[in-house]
């Protein structure tokens, strides 16, 4: 699975939400830094070339849909981030969030409970 640019990732989030859409539908969902229609069309074609998006043709118009699920992308993204930034250690990942005060003690307890219940 090839890495996505920020704009490609933004488009994928829209396609995951809409499930299928024409370029104009995706454009309508973009709130900040709206690209030109042709630019967006090119971004979506790149997503198709990378294997993230498929389409149904209606004459010269294409309706696009995600081929890669959000869950599969999330797993790949987290695996890559874990490897690149946390020495492939979940402990380092959780420690980072704890040090940054992005995770509470209650959330950590919930994670421990989840792990313990899976191991039973």
N, C-alpha and C. Protein backbone atom coordinates (compact mmCIF):
# COMPACT_ATOMS: atom_id res chain seq x y z
N UNK A 1 0.85 -1.18 0.00
CA UNK A 1 0.00 0.00 0.00
C UNK A 1 0.90 1.24 0.00
N UNK A 2 0.76 2.04 -1.02
CA UNK A 2 1.58 3.24 -1.17
C UNK A 2 1.09 4.35 -0.24
N UNK A 3 2.05 5.13 0.28
CA UNK A 3 1.74 6.24 1.18
C UNK A 3 0.94 7.31 0.44
N UNK A 4 0.01 7.93 1.15
CA UNK A 4 -0.81 8.98 0.57
C UNK A 4 -0.31 10.36 0.99
N UNK A 5 -0.52 11.34 0.11
CA UNK A 5 -0.25 12.73 0.47
C UNK A 5 -1.38 13.19 1.39
N UNK A 6 -1.20 14.34 2.03
CA UNK A 6 -2.26 14.86 2.91
C UNK A 6 -3.55 15.10 2.14
N UNK A 7 -3.47 15.64 0.94
CA UNK A 7 -4.66 15.91 0.13
C UNK A 7 -5.33 14.60 -0.29
N UNK A 8 -4.54 13.61 -0.68
CA UNK A 8 -5.10 12.30 -1.04
C UNK A 8 -5.81 11.67 0.15
N UNK A 9 -5.20 11.79 1.31
CA UNK A 9 -5.81 11.24 2.52
C UNK A 9 -7.13 11.96 2.83
N UNK A 10 -7.16 13.27 2.65
CA UNK A 10 -8.39 14.03 2.86
C UNK A 10 -9.49 13.54 1.92
N UNK A 11 -9.14 13.31 0.66
CA UNK A 11 -10.11 12.82 -0.33
C UNK A 11 -10.59 11.42 0.06
N UNK A 12 -9.68 10.57 0.52
CA UNK A 12 -10.07 9.22 0.93
C UNK A 12 -11.06 9.27 2.09
N UNK A 13 -10.85 10.16 3.06
CA UNK A 13 -11.79 10.28 4.17
C UNK A 13 -13.18 10.65 3.66
N UNK A 14 -13.22 11.51 2.66
CA UNK A 14 -14.51 11.89 2.07
C UNK A 14 -15.15 10.70 1.36
N UNK A 15 -14.35 9.95 0.59
CA UNK A 15 -14.88 8.78 -0.11
C UNK A 15 -15.33 7.70 0.87
N UNK A 16 -14.60 7.51 1.95
CA UNK A 16 -15.04 6.54 2.96
C UNK A 16 -16.38 6.97 3.55
N UNK A 17 -16.54 8.25 3.76
CA UNK A 17 -17.79 8.78 4.32
C UNK A 17 -18.94 8.63 3.33
N UNK A 18 -18.71 9.03 2.08
CA UNK A 18 -19.78 9.01 1.08
C UNK A 18 -20.01 7.63 0.46
N UNK A 19 -19.00 6.78 0.49
CA UNK A 19 -19.00 5.43 -0.06
C UNK A 19 -18.90 5.39 -1.58
N UNK A 20 -19.55 6.30 -2.27
CA UNK A 20 -19.37 6.45 -3.72
C UNK A 20 -19.73 7.89 -4.06
N UNK A 21 -18.96 8.47 -5.00
CA UNK A 21 -19.16 9.89 -5.29
C UNK A 21 -18.54 10.28 -6.62
N UNK A 22 -19.13 11.28 -7.24
CA UNK A 22 -18.55 11.92 -8.40
C UNK A 22 -17.58 13.00 -7.89
N UNK A 23 -16.72 13.50 -8.76
CA UNK A 23 -15.75 14.52 -8.36
C UNK A 23 -16.46 15.71 -7.73
N UNK A 24 -17.58 16.13 -8.31
CA UNK A 24 -18.33 17.29 -7.79
C UNK A 24 -18.83 17.03 -6.36
N UNK A 25 -19.17 15.77 -6.05
CA UNK A 25 -19.62 15.42 -4.69
C UNK A 25 -18.48 15.56 -3.69
N UNK A 26 -17.30 15.10 -4.10
CA UNK A 26 -16.11 15.20 -3.23
C UNK A 26 -15.77 16.67 -3.03
N UNK A 27 -15.79 17.44 -4.11
CA UNK A 27 -15.48 18.87 -4.04
C UNK A 27 -16.41 19.59 -3.07
N UNK A 28 -17.68 19.22 -3.07
CA UNK A 28 -18.66 19.85 -2.18
C UNK A 28 -18.36 19.59 -0.71
N UNK A 29 -17.67 18.50 -0.41
CA UNK A 29 -17.35 18.13 0.98
C UNK A 29 -16.09 18.82 1.51
N UNK A 30 -15.26 19.33 0.63
CA UNK A 30 -14.00 19.97 1.05
C UNK A 30 -14.31 21.37 1.56
N UNK A 31 -13.92 21.63 2.81
CA UNK A 31 -14.25 22.92 3.41
C UNK A 31 -13.09 23.91 3.36
N UNK A 32 -11.87 23.45 3.55
CA UNK A 32 -10.69 24.33 3.54
C UNK A 32 -9.85 24.10 2.30
N UNK A 33 -9.31 25.15 1.75
CA UNK A 33 -8.43 25.06 0.59
C UNK A 33 -9.04 24.22 -0.53
N UNK A 34 -10.22 24.62 -0.98
CA UNK A 34 -10.89 23.89 -2.07
C UNK A 34 -10.01 23.92 -3.32
N UNK A 35 -9.66 22.75 -3.83
CA UNK A 35 -8.87 22.72 -5.07
C UNK A 35 -9.78 23.00 -6.27
N UNK A 36 -9.18 23.31 -7.39
CA UNK A 36 -9.93 23.44 -8.64
C UNK A 36 -10.47 22.05 -9.00
N UNK A 37 -11.59 22.01 -9.67
CA UNK A 37 -12.22 20.74 -10.07
C UNK A 37 -11.21 19.82 -10.76
N UNK A 38 -10.44 20.37 -11.73
CA UNK A 38 -9.48 19.54 -12.48
C UNK A 38 -8.36 19.02 -11.58
N UNK A 39 -7.93 19.82 -10.62
CA UNK A 39 -6.91 19.39 -9.67
C UNK A 39 -7.43 18.22 -8.84
N UNK A 40 -8.66 18.35 -8.35
CA UNK A 40 -9.27 17.27 -7.57
C UNK A 40 -9.42 16.01 -8.40
N UNK A 41 -9.83 16.18 -9.64
CA UNK A 41 -9.96 15.04 -10.55
C UNK A 41 -8.62 14.31 -10.70
N UNK A 42 -7.55 15.07 -10.81
CA UNK A 42 -6.21 14.48 -10.92
C UNK A 42 -5.83 13.74 -9.64
N UNK A 43 -6.14 14.32 -8.49
CA UNK A 43 -5.86 13.66 -7.20
C UNK A 43 -6.59 12.32 -7.14
N UNK A 44 -7.85 12.31 -7.55
CA UNK A 44 -8.63 11.07 -7.50
C UNK A 44 -8.07 10.04 -8.48
N UNK A 45 -7.62 10.49 -9.65
CA UNK A 45 -7.01 9.55 -10.61
C UNK A 45 -5.72 8.97 -10.04
N UNK A 46 -4.95 9.79 -9.30
CA UNK A 46 -3.74 9.26 -8.65
C UNK A 46 -4.11 8.19 -7.61
N UNK A 47 -5.20 8.43 -6.89
CA UNK A 47 -5.66 7.43 -5.91
C UNK A 47 -6.05 6.14 -6.63
N UNK A 48 -6.62 6.28 -7.79
CA UNK A 48 -6.97 5.10 -8.59
C UNK A 48 -5.70 4.35 -9.01
N UNK A 49 -4.70 5.11 -9.50
CA UNK A 49 -3.43 4.49 -9.93
C UNK A 49 -2.73 3.79 -8.76
N UNK A 50 -2.87 4.33 -7.55
CA UNK A 50 -2.25 3.73 -6.37
C UNK A 50 -3.05 2.55 -5.83
N UNK A 51 -4.23 2.30 -6.40
CA UNK A 51 -5.03 1.15 -5.99
C UNK A 51 -5.96 1.40 -4.82
N UNK A 52 -6.21 2.66 -4.49
CA UNK A 52 -7.10 3.00 -3.38
C UNK A 52 -8.54 3.18 -3.82
N UNK A 53 -8.75 3.52 -5.08
CA UNK A 53 -10.06 3.92 -5.57
C UNK A 53 -10.40 3.18 -6.86
N UNK A 54 -11.66 2.81 -7.00
CA UNK A 54 -12.18 2.25 -8.24
C UNK A 54 -13.26 3.17 -8.75
N UNK A 55 -13.81 2.85 -9.91
CA UNK A 55 -14.88 3.70 -10.43
C UNK A 55 -15.84 2.92 -11.31
N UNK A 56 -17.02 3.48 -11.42
CA UNK A 56 -18.01 3.03 -12.40
C UNK A 56 -18.15 4.15 -13.41
N UNK A 57 -18.08 3.81 -14.70
CA UNK A 57 -18.17 4.82 -15.74
C UNK A 57 -19.62 5.01 -16.16
N UNK A 58 -20.01 6.26 -16.28
CA UNK A 58 -21.30 6.64 -16.81
C UNK A 58 -21.02 7.60 -17.96
N UNK A 59 -20.82 7.05 -19.15
CA UNK A 59 -20.37 7.87 -20.27
C UNK A 59 -18.97 8.35 -19.98
N UNK A 60 -18.78 9.67 -20.02
CA UNK A 60 -17.46 10.24 -19.73
C UNK A 60 -17.30 10.59 -18.25
N UNK A 61 -18.33 10.38 -17.47
CA UNK A 61 -18.30 10.70 -16.05
C UNK A 61 -18.01 9.43 -15.25
N UNK A 62 -17.22 9.59 -14.20
CA UNK A 62 -16.88 8.45 -13.34
C UNK A 62 -17.41 8.69 -11.94
N UNK A 63 -17.99 7.62 -11.39
CA UNK A 63 -18.39 7.64 -9.97
C UNK A 63 -17.36 6.79 -9.24
N UNK A 64 -16.69 7.40 -8.29
CA UNK A 64 -15.58 6.75 -7.59
C UNK A 64 -16.03 6.13 -6.28
N UNK A 65 -15.31 5.08 -5.88
CA UNK A 65 -15.58 4.42 -4.61
C UNK A 65 -14.26 3.88 -4.05
N UNK A 66 -14.15 3.82 -2.72
CA UNK A 66 -12.90 3.31 -2.12
C UNK A 66 -12.77 1.80 -2.31
N UNK A 67 -11.58 1.37 -2.63
CA UNK A 67 -11.27 -0.06 -2.70
C UNK A 67 -10.63 -0.49 -1.39
N UNK A 68 -9.77 0.37 -0.86
CA UNK A 68 -9.09 0.12 0.42
C UNK A 68 -10.01 0.62 1.52
N UNK A 69 -10.26 -0.23 2.51
CA UNK A 69 -11.12 0.19 3.62
C UNK A 69 -10.37 1.14 4.55
N UNK A 70 -11.13 1.92 5.27
CA UNK A 70 -10.54 2.84 6.24
C UNK A 70 -9.76 2.05 7.29
N UNK A 71 -10.29 0.89 7.68
CA UNK A 71 -9.63 0.06 8.69
C UNK A 71 -8.29 -0.47 8.20
N UNK A 72 -8.23 -0.90 6.93
CA UNK A 72 -6.97 -1.42 6.38
C UNK A 72 -5.94 -0.30 6.29
N UNK A 73 -6.38 0.89 5.89
CA UNK A 73 -5.45 2.03 5.80
C UNK A 73 -4.96 2.42 7.19
N UNK A 74 -5.88 2.45 8.15
CA UNK A 74 -5.51 2.81 9.53
C UNK A 74 -4.46 1.83 10.06
N UNK A 75 -4.67 0.53 9.82
CA UNK A 75 -3.72 -0.47 10.31
C UNK A 75 -2.34 -0.27 9.67
N UNK A 76 -2.31 0.01 8.38
CA UNK A 76 -1.04 0.24 7.68
C UNK A 76 -0.38 1.51 8.19
N UNK A 77 -1.17 2.59 8.33
CA UNK A 77 -0.65 3.87 8.80
C UNK A 77 -0.08 3.74 10.22
N UNK A 78 -0.82 3.09 11.11
CA UNK A 78 -0.35 2.94 12.49
C UNK A 78 0.89 2.06 12.57
N UNK A 79 0.90 1.01 11.76
CA UNK A 79 2.07 0.13 11.73
C UNK A 79 3.30 0.90 11.27
N UNK A 80 3.14 1.72 10.25
CA UNK A 80 4.25 2.52 9.73
C UNK A 80 4.70 3.56 10.76
N UNK A 81 3.75 4.25 11.39
CA UNK A 81 4.08 5.26 12.41
C UNK A 81 4.77 4.60 13.60
N UNK A 82 4.27 3.45 14.01
CA UNK A 82 4.86 2.72 15.14
C UNK A 82 6.32 2.37 14.83
N UNK A 83 6.54 1.89 13.62
CA UNK A 83 7.89 1.50 13.21
C UNK A 83 8.80 2.71 13.07
N UNK A 84 8.31 3.77 12.43
CA UNK A 84 9.15 4.93 12.12
C UNK A 84 9.41 5.85 13.31
N UNK A 85 8.47 5.95 14.24
CA UNK A 85 8.58 6.94 15.31
C UNK A 85 8.70 6.37 16.71
N UNK A 86 8.36 5.09 16.89
CA UNK A 86 8.32 4.53 18.25
C UNK A 86 9.10 3.22 18.36
N UNK A 87 10.07 3.01 17.46
CA UNK A 87 10.91 1.81 17.48
C UNK A 87 10.09 0.52 17.56
N UNK A 88 8.95 0.54 16.88
CA UNK A 88 8.06 -0.62 16.81
C UNK A 88 7.61 -1.09 18.20
N UNK A 89 7.48 -0.13 19.13
CA UNK A 89 7.11 -0.44 20.51
C UNK A 89 5.80 0.24 20.89
N UNK A 90 4.80 -0.56 21.23
CA UNK A 90 3.53 0.01 21.70
C UNK A 90 3.72 0.73 23.03
N UNK A 91 4.66 0.23 23.83
CA UNK A 91 4.96 0.90 25.10
C UNK A 91 5.45 2.32 24.85
N UNK A 92 6.34 2.49 23.87
CA UNK A 92 6.84 3.82 23.52
C UNK A 92 5.70 4.71 23.02
N UNK A 93 4.80 4.13 22.26
CA UNK A 93 3.65 4.88 21.73
C UNK A 93 2.76 5.38 22.87
N UNK A 94 2.39 4.49 23.77
CA UNK A 94 1.52 4.87 24.88
C UNK A 94 2.24 5.84 25.82
N UNK A 95 3.53 5.61 26.04
CA UNK A 95 4.32 6.52 26.88
C UNK A 95 4.34 7.93 26.30
N UNK A 96 4.45 8.02 24.98
CA UNK A 96 4.43 9.33 24.31
C UNK A 96 3.14 10.07 24.63
N UNK A 97 2.00 9.38 24.48
CA UNK A 97 0.72 10.03 24.75
C UNK A 97 0.56 10.37 26.23
N UNK A 98 1.09 9.52 27.09
CA UNK A 98 1.01 9.80 28.53
C UNK A 98 1.84 11.04 28.87
N UNK A 99 3.05 11.14 28.32
CA UNK A 99 3.92 12.29 28.58
C UNK A 99 3.32 13.58 28.02
N UNK A 100 2.65 13.48 26.90
CA UNK A 100 2.02 14.64 26.27
C UNK A 100 0.66 14.97 26.90
N UNK A 101 0.27 14.16 27.90
CA UNK A 101 -1.02 14.30 28.59
C UNK A 101 -2.19 14.22 27.62
N UNK A 102 -2.06 13.31 26.65
CA UNK A 102 -3.11 13.08 25.67
C UNK A 102 -3.96 11.86 26.02
N UNK A 103 -3.56 11.19 27.09
CA UNK A 103 -4.30 10.01 27.53
C UNK A 103 -4.42 10.07 29.05
N UNK A 104 -5.60 9.76 29.55
CA UNK A 104 -5.84 9.85 30.99
C UNK A 104 -5.58 8.51 31.68
N UNK A 105 -5.51 8.57 32.99
CA UNK A 105 -5.33 7.35 33.79
C UNK A 105 -6.52 6.41 33.56
N UNK A 106 -7.72 6.97 33.51
CA UNK A 106 -8.92 6.14 33.27
C UNK A 106 -8.84 5.45 31.91
N UNK A 107 -8.37 6.16 30.89
CA UNK A 107 -8.23 5.55 29.57
C UNK A 107 -7.19 4.44 29.60
N UNK A 108 -6.09 4.66 30.32
CA UNK A 108 -5.07 3.62 30.46
C UNK A 108 -5.64 2.39 31.17
N UNK A 109 -6.45 2.63 32.21
CA UNK A 109 -7.09 1.51 32.92
C UNK A 109 -8.02 0.75 31.98
N UNK A 110 -8.76 1.48 31.14
CA UNK A 110 -9.65 0.84 30.17
C UNK A 110 -8.86 -0.03 29.19
N UNK A 111 -7.69 0.47 28.77
CA UNK A 111 -6.83 -0.30 27.86
C UNK A 111 -6.34 -1.57 28.55
N UNK A 112 -5.92 -1.45 29.81
CA UNK A 112 -5.47 -2.62 30.56
C UNK A 112 -6.60 -3.64 30.70
N UNK A 113 -7.81 -3.15 31.03
CA UNK A 113 -8.96 -4.04 31.15
C UNK A 113 -9.24 -4.75 29.84
N UNK A 114 -9.12 -4.03 28.72
CA UNK A 114 -9.36 -4.61 27.41
C UNK A 114 -8.33 -5.72 27.11
N UNK A 115 -7.08 -5.44 27.42
CA UNK A 115 -6.02 -6.43 27.20
C UNK A 115 -6.23 -7.66 28.06
N UNK A 116 -6.57 -7.42 29.33
CA UNK A 116 -6.79 -8.54 30.25
C UNK A 116 -7.98 -9.39 29.83
N UNK A 117 -9.05 -8.76 29.35
CA UNK A 117 -10.24 -9.52 28.94
C UNK A 117 -9.96 -10.32 27.65
N UNK A 118 -9.10 -9.82 26.79
CA UNK A 118 -8.73 -10.54 25.56
C UNK A 118 -7.85 -11.75 25.87
N UNK A 119 -7.08 -11.65 26.96
CA UNK A 119 -6.16 -12.73 27.32
C UNK A 119 -6.82 -13.83 28.16
N UNK A 120 -8.08 -13.66 28.48
CA UNK A 120 -8.76 -14.68 29.31
C UNK A 120 -9.35 -15.76 28.46
